[in-house]
Amino acid sequence: MNNYKSYLLFVAIAIVVSASGSAFAASLSRATATCIECHESVTPGIVAAWKASAHFKLTPADALKKPGLYRKISAQKVPAKLKDVVVGCAECHMANPKRHKDTFEHNGFQVHIVVTPGDCAVCHPKETEEYAKNLMSEAYNNLTGNPLYRDLMDSVNAVQGYHSGKLSYASKVDGQTEADSCLSCHGTRVGVKGMKTRETEMGDMEFPVLSGWPNQGVGRVNPDGTKGSCTSCHPRHSFSMAIARKPYTCAQCHKGPDVPAYKVYIVSKHGNIYSSQGKNWNFEATPWVPGRDFSAPTCATCHVSLLANKNGEVIARRTHQMNDRSAWRLFGLVYAHAHPKKADTTIIRNKAGLSLPTELTGQPVSSFLIDTKEQNKRDERMQRICLSCHTTQWVKGHFAKMENTIKVTNQMTLASTKILLNAWKVGAAKGPSQKDSIFNEAIEKMWVEQWLFYANSTRFASAMAGADYGVFANGRWYMSKNLQMMSDWLEFKLSAKKKK
């Protein structure tokens, strides 16, 4: 491409017409303008999404001029070369080339494929810092680096066969299977395996070959060493805040029987109002005002968004630490418990040496968990949001019911744990003392379902007022039924053993 053609292209793209037909002056960097020349035809969907984004519509300098509560950029200043151009291809994919192992030469530029929280931090440092404190940021390591979770993950992904009257398990779980199951949400480890020449519309080009790709999991380990993926919630290349605020985004990972948050929400009164009226709400407003911009909370309302009243008084500050307003880890490993102090939960050990935040009796390993004072602070933050629409008596009553549900579900989980411990003790099943997996026998799988499916469903139903999921839809009925099945299974095993 000659310089004159590049110049004409740069000038032409500098004035664009938005989808509504109104003219908009976009200050593109020369590098981004060069990218657009090819990608407008090669990947038109990407370019169209970007042109609809806030990144395309204003420069960082414009964003910095907005007053505090109306500002979506947390940086106090940005590098001079970025200040007066819109955030485009080059500003993200050429941001930190030396840090990225996936950087490669592309049409005269040093480009990296994977855009990471480290790149976004140029304009959004506070959000990046908060996210790093979030359990989601460590989701990959918390799953694969915890021996118990790793064992559970392998039992889920193991290829099984039936031979000679017995089930058999593959000795090693396939990495592609992991990436297509648990790690789809938890995130993969993205590595660079080398370079490969590919045929493109623009001729033969050399690109990095990535392992663990594609993936946009919340705890993805990136080629620049950072953890997480902002596009889990803010899909590329629109990076829409409106999309992140809608419950469908959270439903990508929080819909199954283990974390049925979306299903519970959608059958709740809040979910009913959202389904009926949500199309009329303003999901773009900053700050977000209850009663004006929306009339019932979504996931983001309670856990993330900046909320204020019509007078500009802050109800809840924006946070990307998702548990910042949650006192309890409802989705605990075996039992619900206070949230861990640190995002990296692999450091936790109970008295038995297990990677659990509680003992098998349900007693919390308090040294690794937030204390009651911090729990109360988080409860207060959440209740302040509830009080935007509800009276004090209503809110206090709701939280009292939820804490009672936590207590009851933990008790029923303990009952199932005692049955399992007895099965191991009498030799009806193989446990840790036989150095066997604790997730590969029928009674062990029933035990997992007791806390992973049924107790979790019951707790989420209580927390989000979606009662049916706390009763018959994987709720209390199934906890009771499962306990009976575990007891009957053990009795049958012992009876069969006596007859031999």
Protein backbone atom coordinates (compact mmCIF):
# COMPACT_ATOMS: atom_id res chain seq x y z
CA MET A 1 0.00 0.00 0.00
CA ASN A 2 1.49 3.39 -0.99
CA ASN A 3 1.54 6.38 1.36
CA TYR A 4 -0.91 8.41 -0.73
CA LYS A 5 -3.50 5.63 -0.59
CA SER A 6 -3.01 5.33 3.18
CA TYR A 7 -3.49 9.06 3.56
CA LEU A 8 -6.71 9.08 1.52
CA LEU A 9 -8.01 6.14 3.51
CA PHE A 10 -7.21 7.85 6.80
CA VAL A 11 -9.05 11.02 5.74
CA ALA A 12 -12.03 9.05 4.41
CA ILE A 13 -12.47 7.01 7.56
CA ALA A 14 -12.00 10.04 9.79
CA ILE A 15 -15.57 11.08 8.90
CA VAL A 16 -18.09 8.26 9.11
CA VAL A 17 -21.82 7.96 9.09
CA SER A 18 -23.34 6.12 12.04
CA ALA A 19 -26.12 3.57 11.69
CA SER A 20 -28.71 6.28 12.42
CA GLY A 21 -27.44 8.33 9.51
CA SER A 22 -25.99 11.22 11.51
CA ALA A 23 -22.43 12.35 10.77
CA PHE A 24 -19.78 11.67 13.38
CA ALA A 25 -16.18 12.83 13.33
CA ALA A 26 -14.00 9.93 14.44
CA SER A 27 -10.35 10.63 15.22
CA LEU A 28 -8.70 7.40 14.16
CA SER A 29 -5.03 6.69 14.64
CA ARG A 30 -3.20 5.94 11.42
CA ALA A 31 -2.57 2.36 12.60
CA THR A 32 -6.26 1.74 13.28
CA ALA A 33 -7.21 3.27 9.93
CA THR A 34 -4.84 0.84 8.24
CA CYS A 35 -6.43 -2.09 10.09
CA ILE A 36 -9.92 -1.00 9.02
CA GLU A 37 -8.99 -0.90 5.35
CA CYS A 38 -8.69 -4.69 5.27
CA HIS A 39 -10.91 -5.79 8.14
CA GLU A 40 -13.97 -3.90 6.95
CA SER A 41 -14.22 -6.53 4.21
CA VAL A 42 -12.46 -9.49 5.88
CA THR A 43 -14.27 -9.32 9.25
CA PRO A 44 -17.17 -6.90 8.72
CA GLY A 45 -19.00 -8.08 11.85
CA ILE A 46 -16.10 -7.06 14.06
CA VAL A 47 -15.88 -3.60 12.51
CA ALA A 48 -19.65 -3.08 12.72
CA ALA A 49 -19.69 -4.03 16.42
CA TRP A 50 -16.82 -1.65 17.13
CA LYS A 51 -18.55 1.21 15.28
CA ALA A 52 -21.53 0.78 17.59
CA SER A 53 -19.34 0.95 20.69
CA ALA A 54 -18.53 3.79 23.07
CA HIS A 55 -14.88 3.23 22.15
CA PHE A 56 -15.65 4.43 18.64
CA LYS A 57 -17.87 7.33 19.64
CA LEU A 58 -15.56 9.30 21.91
CA THR A 59 -11.88 9.65 22.68
CA PRO A 60 -10.28 9.07 26.11
CA ALA A 61 -9.88 12.85 26.34
CA ASP A 62 -13.66 13.22 25.94
CA ALA A 63 -14.26 10.47 28.51
CA LEU A 64 -11.97 12.18 31.04
CA LYS A 65 -13.99 15.40 30.79
CA LYS A 66 -17.14 13.77 32.16
CA PRO A 67 -17.88 14.50 35.86
CA GLY A 68 -17.24 11.78 38.43
CA LEU A 69 -20.50 9.84 38.58
CA TYR A 70 -20.96 10.03 34.82
CA ARG A 71 -17.49 8.79 33.97
CA LYS A 72 -16.92 5.23 32.73
CA ILE A 73 -13.14 5.54 32.55
CA SER A 74 -11.27 5.18 35.86
CA ALA A 75 -7.83 6.39 34.72
CA GLN A 76 -6.94 9.92 35.80
CA LYS A 77 -4.88 10.33 32.65
CA VAL A 78 -3.91 8.27 29.62
CA PRO A 79 -0.76 8.22 27.45
CA ALA A 80 -0.56 11.28 25.21
CA LYS A 81 -0.59 9.19 22.02
CA LEU A 82 -3.96 7.69 22.99
CA LYS A 83 -5.66 10.76 24.40
CA ASP A 84 -7.12 12.27 21.25
CA VAL A 85 -7.86 9.18 19.16
CA VAL A 86 -10.74 6.77 19.57
CA VAL A 87 -9.99 3.34 21.02
CA GLY A 88 -9.67 1.18 17.94
CA CYS A 89 -7.90 -1.93 16.67
CA ALA A 90 -4.38 -0.64 17.22
CA GLU A 91 -5.07 0.84 20.66
CA CYS A 92 -6.04 -2.63 21.96
CA HIS A 93 -4.13 -5.11 19.80
CA MET A 94 -0.86 -3.19 19.81
CA ALA A 95 -1.03 -1.88 23.38
CA ASN A 96 1.73 -3.83 25.14
CA PRO A 97 3.57 -5.85 22.46
CA LYS A 98 6.62 -6.69 24.60
CA ARG A 99 4.50 -8.24 27.36
CA HIS A 100 2.56 -10.49 24.99
CA LYS A 101 4.01 -13.82 23.94
CA ASP A 102 1.42 -13.83 21.13
CA THR A 103 2.81 -10.67 19.49
CA PHE A 104 3.72 -11.09 15.82
CA GLU A 105 4.59 -8.92 12.83
CA HIS A 106 1.51 -8.15 10.74
CA ASN A 107 1.62 -5.76 7.80
CA GLY A 108 4.38 -3.73 9.37
CA PHE A 109 2.85 -3.62 12.87
CA GLN A 110 3.55 -5.56 16.08
CA VAL A 111 0.13 -7.07 16.83
CA HIS A 112 -1.10 -9.44 19.53
CA ILE A 113 -4.24 -11.57 19.21
CA VAL A 114 -5.42 -11.82 22.81
CA VAL A 115 -6.59 -8.56 24.39
CA THR A 116 -6.32 -8.86 28.17
CA PRO A 117 -7.14 -7.02 31.40
CA GLY A 118 -3.56 -5.71 31.26
CA ASP A 119 -4.40 -3.93 28.01
CA CYS A 120 -7.76 -2.63 29.27
CA ALA A 121 -6.01 -1.29 32.39
CA VAL A 122 -4.57 1.60 30.37
CA CYS A 123 -7.98 3.29 30.64
CA HIS A 124 -9.66 1.10 33.27
CA PRO A 125 -7.08 0.51 36.04
CA LYS A 126 -9.55 0.49 38.93
CA GLU A 127 -11.79 -2.08 37.29
CA THR A 128 -8.75 -4.25 36.51
CA GLU A 129 -7.47 -4.00 40.08
CA GLU A 130 -10.86 -4.90 41.53
CA TYR A 131 -11.32 -7.80 39.16
CA ALA A 132 -7.97 -9.24 40.25
CA LYS A 133 -9.42 -9.50 43.80
CA ASN A 134 -12.40 -11.37 42.45
CA LEU A 135 -12.74 -15.15 42.71
CA MET A 136 -13.47 -15.19 38.98
CA SER A 137 -9.98 -13.92 38.16
CA GLU A 138 -8.49 -17.06 39.74
CA ALA A 139 -11.15 -19.41 38.34
CA TYR A 140 -8.69 -21.43 36.23
CA ASN A 141 -6.22 -22.03 39.04
CA ASN A 142 -8.91 -22.47 41.70
CA LEU A 143 -10.31 -25.33 39.64
CA THR A 144 -7.20 -27.03 38.29
CA GLY A 145 -4.91 -26.25 41.25
CA ASN A 146 -7.24 -27.59 43.93
CA PRO A 147 -6.76 -31.40 44.22
CA LEU A 148 -10.42 -31.97 45.16
CA TYR A 149 -11.81 -29.77 42.39
CA ARG A 150 -9.32 -31.31 39.97
CA ASP A 151 -10.56 -34.76 40.93
CA LEU A 152 -14.18 -33.68 40.47
CA MET A 153 -13.32 -32.09 37.13
CA ASP A 154 -11.62 -35.28 35.94
CA SER A 155 -14.61 -37.37 36.99
CA VAL A 156 -16.88 -35.10 34.95
CA ASN A 157 -14.69 -35.19 31.84
CA ALA A 158 -13.38 -38.75 31.95
CA VAL A 159 -14.37 -40.93 29.01
CA GLN A 160 -16.17 -44.00 30.32
CA GLY A 161 -16.71 -47.40 28.79
CA TYR A 162 -18.36 -50.64 29.88
CA HIS A 163 -16.21 -53.77 29.79
CA SER A 164 -16.58 -57.18 31.43
CA GLY A 165 -19.54 -56.07 33.50
CA LYS A 166 -17.79 -52.99 34.91
CA LEU A 167 -17.49 -49.32 34.13
CA SER A 168 -14.03 -48.20 33.13
CA TYR A 169 -12.52 -44.71 33.14
CA ALA A 170 -9.94 -43.25 30.80
CA SER A 171 -6.59 -42.87 32.54
CA LYS A 172 -6.15 -39.31 31.30
CA VAL A 173 -8.68 -36.61 30.54
CA ASP A 174 -8.34 -35.06 27.09
CA GLY A 175 -7.37 -31.36 27.12
CA GLN A 176 -9.82 -30.52 24.34
CA THR A 177 -12.63 -32.02 26.43
CA GLU A 178 -11.65 -29.87 29.40
CA ALA A 179 -11.61 -26.73 27.23
CA ASP A 180 -15.06 -27.58 25.93
CA SER A 181 -16.55 -28.19 29.38
CA CYS A 182 -15.37 -26.84 32.74
CA LEU A 183 -12.69 -24.53 31.34
CA SER A 184 -15.13 -22.92 28.93
CA CYS A 185 -16.32 -20.81 31.87
CA HIS A 186 -13.36 -21.07 34.23
CA GLY A 187 -10.90 -20.13 31.49
CA THR A 188 -8.03 -21.93 29.80
CA ARG A 189 -4.29 -21.30 29.86
CA VAL A 190 -3.54 -19.67 26.52
CA GLY A 191 -0.10 -20.47 25.19
CA VAL A 192 1.86 -19.91 21.98
CA LYS A 193 2.94 -23.12 20.24
CA GLY A 194 4.71 -21.49 17.32
CA MET A 195 3.94 -19.82 14.00
CA LYS A 196 2.04 -21.11 10.98
CA THR A 197 1.46 -19.72 7.50
CA ARG A 198 -2.18 -19.50 6.50
CA GLU A 199 -3.86 -18.61 3.26
CA THR A 200 -6.04 -15.49 3.62
CA GLU A 201 -7.98 -13.19 1.32
CA MET A 202 -4.92 -10.93 1.39
CA GLY A 203 -2.50 -13.73 0.51
CA ASP A 204 -0.34 -16.02 2.63
CA MET A 205 0.29 -14.66 6.14
CA GLU A 206 2.04 -16.01 9.21
CA PHE A 207 0.13 -16.16 12.51
CA PRO A 208 0.82 -17.52 16.00
CA VAL A 209 -0.65 -20.93 16.80
CA LEU A 210 -2.36 -20.66 20.20
CA SER A 211 -3.19 -23.46 22.62
CA GLY A 212 -6.24 -23.13 24.89
CA TRP A 213 -7.85 -20.94 22.24
CA PRO A 214 -10.53 -19.80 21.55
CA ASN A 215 -11.69 -19.03 25.08
CA GLN A 216 -13.23 -16.12 26.97
CA GLY A 217 -13.50 -17.71 30.41
CA VAL A 218 -13.49 -15.48 33.47
CA GLY A 219 -10.19 -16.86 34.81
CA ARG A 220 -8.36 -17.30 31.53
CA VAL A 221 -4.56 -17.19 31.91
CA ASN A 222 -3.34 -14.90 29.13
CA PRO A 223 -0.11 -14.78 27.08
CA ASP A 224 0.94 -11.59 28.90
CA GLY A 225 0.60 -13.30 32.30
CA THR A 226 -2.63 -11.55 33.30
CA LYS A 227 -5.72 -13.43 34.40
CA GLY A 228 -9.29 -13.00 33.25
CA SER A 229 -11.19 -11.90 30.20
CA CYS A 230 -13.14 -8.65 30.14
CA THR A 231 -15.06 -9.98 27.13
CA SER A 232 -16.72 -12.60 29.35
CA CYS A 233 -19.18 -9.86 30.29
CA HIS A 234 -18.42 -7.05 27.81
CA PRO A 235 -18.45 -8.91 24.49
CA ARG A 236 -15.98 -7.85 21.87
CA HIS A 237 -15.93 -5.63 19.92
CA SER A 238 -18.83 -3.56 21.20
CA PHE A 239 -17.73 -3.96 24.86
CA SER A 240 -21.29 -3.00 25.72
CA MET A 241 -22.12 -2.01 29.27
CA ALA A 242 -25.80 -2.53 28.42
CA ILE A 243 -25.17 -6.18 27.54
CA ALA A 244 -23.14 -6.69 30.73
CA ARG A 245 -26.04 -5.34 32.79
CA LYS A 246 -28.56 -7.84 31.41
CA PRO A 247 -29.03 -11.22 33.10
CA TYR A 248 -28.45 -13.15 29.86
CA THR A 249 -24.75 -12.32 30.19
CA CYS A 250 -24.47 -13.95 33.62
CA ALA A 251 -26.57 -16.87 32.34
CA GLN A 252 -23.65 -17.90 30.11
CA CYS A 253 -22.12 -19.60 33.17
CA HIS A 254 -24.75 -19.29 35.92
CA LYS A 255 -27.58 -21.40 34.54
CA GLY A 256 -26.77 -25.04 35.18
CA PRO A 257 -27.87 -27.11 38.19
CA ASP A 258 -24.65 -26.25 40.05
CA VAL A 259 -25.15 -22.46 39.85
CA PRO A 260 -28.78 -21.95 38.80
CA ALA A 261 -28.74 -18.19 39.43
CA TYR A 262 -30.33 -17.22 36.10
CA LYS A 263 -33.08 -19.85 36.33
CA VAL A 264 -33.88 -18.77 39.87
CA TYR A 265 -33.85 -15.09 38.91
CA ILE A 266 -36.11 -15.49 35.91
CA VAL A 267 -38.90 -17.16 37.98
CA SER A 268 -38.59 -14.59 40.78
CA LYS A 269 -40.72 -11.46 41.04
CA HIS A 270 -37.71 -9.41 39.92
CA GLY A 271 -37.24 -11.68 36.90
CA ASN A 272 -40.93 -11.42 36.05
CA ILE A 273 -40.75 -7.62 36.04
CA TYR A 274 -37.57 -7.69 33.95
CA SER A 275 -39.13 -10.07 31.42
CA SER A 276 -42.25 -7.90 31.21
CA GLN A 277 -40.75 -4.41 31.24
CA GLY A 278 -36.99 -4.72 30.68
CA LYS A 279 -37.18 -3.75 27.01
CA ASN A 280 -38.16 -0.24 28.13
CA TRP A 281 -35.34 0.23 30.65
CA ASN A 282 -32.28 2.42 30.13
CA PHE A 283 -29.26 0.10 30.33
CA GLU A 284 -26.83 2.78 29.14
CA ALA A 285 -27.23 5.31 31.99
CA THR A 286 -24.33 6.18 34.28
CA PRO A 287 -25.03 6.33 37.14
CA TRP A 288 -27.94 3.88 37.07
CA VAL A 289 -30.97 5.25 38.93
CA PRO A 290 -33.51 2.81 40.45
CA GLY A 291 -37.08 3.78 39.62
CA ARG A 292 -36.01 5.95 36.71
CA ASP A 293 -33.74 3.79 34.56
CA PHE A 294 -35.07 0.41 35.71
CA SER A 295 -37.79 -0.90 38.02
CA ALA A 296 -36.34 -4.20 39.26
CA PRO A 297 -32.76 -5.39 39.77
CA THR A 298 -30.70 -7.55 37.44
CA CYS A 299 -27.55 -9.41 38.48
CA ALA A 300 -25.43 -6.33 37.74
CA THR A 301 -27.67 -4.12 39.87
CA CYS A 302 -26.90 -6.11 42.99
CA HIS A 303 -23.31 -7.14 42.34
CA VAL A 304 -21.56 -4.63 40.08
CA SER A 305 -23.21 -1.40 38.96
CA LEU A 306 -22.89 2.17 40.19
CA LEU A 307 -26.30 3.12 41.59
CA ALA A 308 -27.48 6.55 42.68
CA ASN A 309 -30.78 8.23 43.46
CA LYS A 310 -32.24 11.04 41.37
CA ASN A 311 -30.40 13.61 43.52
CA GLY A 312 -27.03 12.08 42.65
CA GLU A 313 -26.51 10.49 46.07
CA VAL A 314 -24.62 7.20 45.73
CA ILE A 315 -26.47 4.05 46.75
CA ALA A 316 -23.76 1.61 45.68
CA ARG A 317 -20.40 2.29 44.13
CA ARG A 318 -19.36 0.44 40.98
CA THR A 319 -17.24 -2.62 41.67
CA HIS A 320 -15.73 -5.41 39.61
CA GLN A 321 -15.09 -7.51 42.70
CA MET A 322 -18.28 -9.53 42.40
CA ASN A 323 -18.41 -10.62 46.06
CA ASP A 324 -17.93 -7.09 47.41
CA ARG A 325 -21.62 -6.96 48.37
CA SER A 326 -22.01 -10.63 49.33
CA ALA A 327 -21.37 -11.89 52.85
CA TRP A 328 -21.83 -15.58 52.05
CA ARG A 329 -20.26 -17.89 49.51
CA LEU A 330 -23.52 -19.66 48.66
CA PHE A 331 -21.74 -21.79 46.08
CA GLY A 332 -19.28 -23.31 48.50
CA LEU A 333 -17.30 -26.52 48.12
CA VAL A 334 -19.48 -28.88 50.21
CA TYR A 335 -20.88 -26.22 52.59
CA ALA A 336 -21.92 -22.57 52.26
CA HIS A 337 -19.51 -20.37 54.19
CA ALA A 338 -18.21 -16.84 54.57
CA HIS A 339 -16.32 -15.63 51.50
CA PRO A 340 -12.59 -16.38 51.28
CA LYS A 341 -10.27 -13.49 52.10
CA LYS A 342 -8.23 -14.00 48.94
CA ALA A 343 -9.18 -14.79 45.36
CA ASP A 344 -6.69 -17.67 45.24
CA THR A 345 -8.47 -20.41 47.17
CA THR A 346 -5.82 -23.07 46.51
CA ILE A 347 -3.97 -21.82 49.59
CA ILE A 348 -6.83 -22.95 51.86
CA ARG A 349 -6.34 -26.09 53.97
CA ASN A 350 -8.56 -27.47 56.71
CA LYS A 351 -7.34 -29.44 59.74
CA ALA A 352 -7.42 -32.66 57.73
CA GLY A 353 -5.16 -31.09 55.11
CA LEU A 354 -7.93 -30.99 52.51
CA SER A 355 -8.32 -27.99 50.16
CA LEU A 356 -11.63 -27.08 51.76
CA PRO A 357 -12.81 -23.82 53.40
CA THR A 358 -14.66 -25.95 55.98
CA GLU A 359 -14.10 -29.19 57.81
CA LEU A 360 -16.18 -32.14 56.63
CA THR A 361 -18.33 -31.40 59.68
CA GLY A 362 -19.15 -27.98 58.24
CA GLN A 363 -17.01 -26.04 60.70
CA PRO A 364 -15.47 -23.06 58.84
CA VAL A 365 -11.71 -22.71 58.46
CA SER A 366 -11.98 -19.16 59.79
CA SER A 367 -8.37 -18.08 59.24
CA PHE A 368 -8.92 -18.14 55.45
CA LEU A 369 -12.39 -16.54 55.48
CA ILE A 370 -13.69 -13.02 56.03
CA ASP A 371 -14.80 -12.32 59.59
CA THR A 372 -18.25 -11.38 60.88
CA LYS A 373 -17.40 -7.67 60.79
CA GLU A 374 -16.59 -7.84 57.07
CA GLN A 375 -19.67 -9.97 56.43
CA ASN A 376 -21.82 -7.31 58.08
CA LYS A 377 -20.25 -4.59 55.90
CA ARG A 378 -21.04 -6.56 52.75
CA ASP A 379 -24.57 -7.28 53.92
CA GLU A 380 -25.06 -3.57 54.57
CA ARG A 381 -23.93 -2.71 51.03
CA MET A 382 -26.37 -5.20 49.53
CA GLN A 383 -29.26 -4.22 51.80
CA ARG A 384 -28.76 -0.56 50.90
CA ILE A 385 -29.59 -1.53 47.31
CA CYS A 386 -32.69 -3.48 48.41
CA LEU A 387 -33.85 -0.49 50.45
CA SER A 388 -34.14 1.53 47.23
CA CYS A 389 -37.44 -0.27 46.64
CA HIS A 390 -38.31 -2.08 49.87
CA THR A 391 -38.96 -1.21 53.52
CA THR A 392 -36.52 -2.09 56.29
CA GLN A 393 -38.82 -4.80 57.67
CA TRP A 394 -39.10 -6.45 54.26
CA VAL A 395 -35.34 -6.42 53.69
CA LYS A 396 -34.41 -7.64 57.18
CA GLY A 397 -37.01 -10.39 56.93
CA HIS A 398 -35.65 -11.53 53.56
CA PHE A 399 -32.06 -11.74 54.80
CA ALA A 400 -33.15 -13.59 57.97
CA LYS A 401 -34.88 -16.23 55.81
CA MET A 402 -31.78 -16.60 53.64
CA GLU A 403 -29.48 -17.14 56.64
CA ASN A 404 -31.88 -19.77 57.97
CA THR A 405 -31.80 -21.52 54.58
CA ILE A 406 -28.00 -21.55 54.70
CA LYS A 407 -28.15 -23.17 58.12
CA VAL A 408 -30.70 -25.81 57.07
CA THR A 409 -28.98 -26.75 53.79
CA ASN A 410 -25.65 -27.08 55.60
CA GLN A 411 -27.31 -29.41 58.13
CA MET A 412 -28.72 -31.59 55.34
CA THR A 413 -25.35 -31.62 53.61
CA LEU A 414 -23.77 -32.74 56.88
CA ALA A 415 -26.28 -35.60 57.08
CA SER A 416 -25.23 -36.77 53.59
CA THR A 417 -21.55 -36.44 54.51
CA LYS A 418 -22.04 -38.67 57.57
CA ILE A 419 -23.60 -41.36 55.37
CA LEU A 420 -20.66 -41.17 52.95
CA LEU A 421 -18.09 -41.29 55.77
CA ASN A 422 -19.84 -44.37 57.13
CA ALA A 423 -19.78 -46.00 53.68
CA TRP A 424 -16.03 -45.48 53.53
CA LYS A 425 -15.59 -46.69 57.10
CA VAL A 426 -17.41 -50.01 56.58
CA GLY A 427 -15.83 -50.62 53.16
CA ALA A 428 -19.00 -50.17 51.11
CA ALA A 429 -17.13 -47.58 49.04
CA LYS A 430 -13.49 -46.67 48.56
CA GLY A 431 -12.39 -43.35 50.02
CA PRO A 432 -9.22 -41.33 50.63
CA SER A 433 -7.72 -44.01 52.87
CA GLN A 434 -7.64 -46.32 49.83
CA LYS A 435 -6.17 -43.44 47.76
CA ASP A 436 -9.20 -43.61 45.50
CA SER A 437 -11.18 -40.79 43.89
CA ILE A 438 -14.02 -39.59 46.07
CA PHE A 439 -16.20 -38.84 43.04
CA ASN A 440 -16.35 -42.11 41.08
CA GLU A 441 -18.85 -44.30 42.95
CA ALA A 442 -22.64 -44.05 43.03
CA ILE A 443 -22.90 -42.93 46.65
CA GLU A 444 -20.14 -40.37 46.12
CA LYS A 445 -21.94 -38.92 43.10
CA MET A 446 -25.15 -38.70 45.16
CA TRP A 447 -23.19 -36.88 47.86
CA VAL A 448 -21.86 -34.37 45.30
CA GLU A 449 -25.36 -33.74 43.99
CA GLN A 450 -26.55 -33.07 47.56
CA TRP A 451 -24.39 -29.95 47.90
CA LEU A 452 -23.43 -29.05 44.34
CA PHE A 453 -26.95 -29.20 42.88
CA TYR A 454 -29.66 -29.36 45.54
CA ALA A 455 -28.22 -27.32 48.41
CA ASN A 456 -26.97 -24.66 46.00
CA SER A 457 -30.33 -24.46 44.25
CA THR A 458 -32.14 -24.08 47.57
CA ARG A 459 -29.80 -21.31 48.73
CA PHE A 460 -29.94 -19.38 45.47
CA ALA A 461 -33.73 -19.67 45.51
CA SER A 462 -33.83 -18.14 48.97
CA ALA A 463 -31.32 -15.38 48.18
CA MET A 464 -33.08 -14.33 44.97
CA ALA A 465 -36.70 -15.12 45.93
CA GLY A 466 -37.23 -17.75 43.24
CA ALA A 467 -39.01 -20.15 45.56
CA ASP A 468 -39.77 -23.04 43.19
CA TYR A 469 -36.07 -23.81 42.77
CA GLY A 470 -35.89 -24.15 46.55
CA VAL A 471 -38.76 -26.66 46.73
CA PHE A 472 -39.35 -29.13 43.87
CA ALA A 473 -37.02 -27.89 41.10
CA ASN A 474 -33.76 -29.28 42.54
CA GLY A 475 -34.61 -27.89 45.97
CA ARG A 476 -35.65 -29.29 49.35
CA TRP A 477 -37.55 -32.24 47.87
CA TYR A 478 -34.42 -33.45 46.11
CA MET A 479 -32.23 -32.92 49.17
CA SER A 480 -34.59 -35.12 51.18
CA LYS A 481 -34.96 -37.70 48.39
CA ASN A 482 -31.20 -37.86 47.86
CA LEU A 483 -30.56 -38.44 51.56
CA GLN A 484 -33.00 -41.34 51.50
CA MET A 485 -31.36 -42.81 48.38
CA MET A 486 -27.90 -42.57 49.95
CA SER A 487 -29.14 -44.29 53.10
CA ASP A 488 -30.93 -47.00 51.11
CA TRP A 489 -27.85 -47.54 48.90
CA LEU A 490 -25.64 -48.08 51.93
CA GLU A 491 -28.17 -50.40 53.57
CA PHE A 492 -28.42 -52.44 50.35
CA LYS A 493 -24.64 -52.69 50.07
CA LEU A 494 -24.27 -53.85 53.67
CA SER A 495 -27.11 -56.34 53.27
CA ALA A 496 -25.55 -57.77 50.11
CA LYS A 497 -22.19 -58.02 51.88
CA LYS A 498 -23.72 -60.06 54.76
CA LYS A 499 -25.31 -62.54 52.35
CA LYS A 500 -21.97 -63.40 50.74
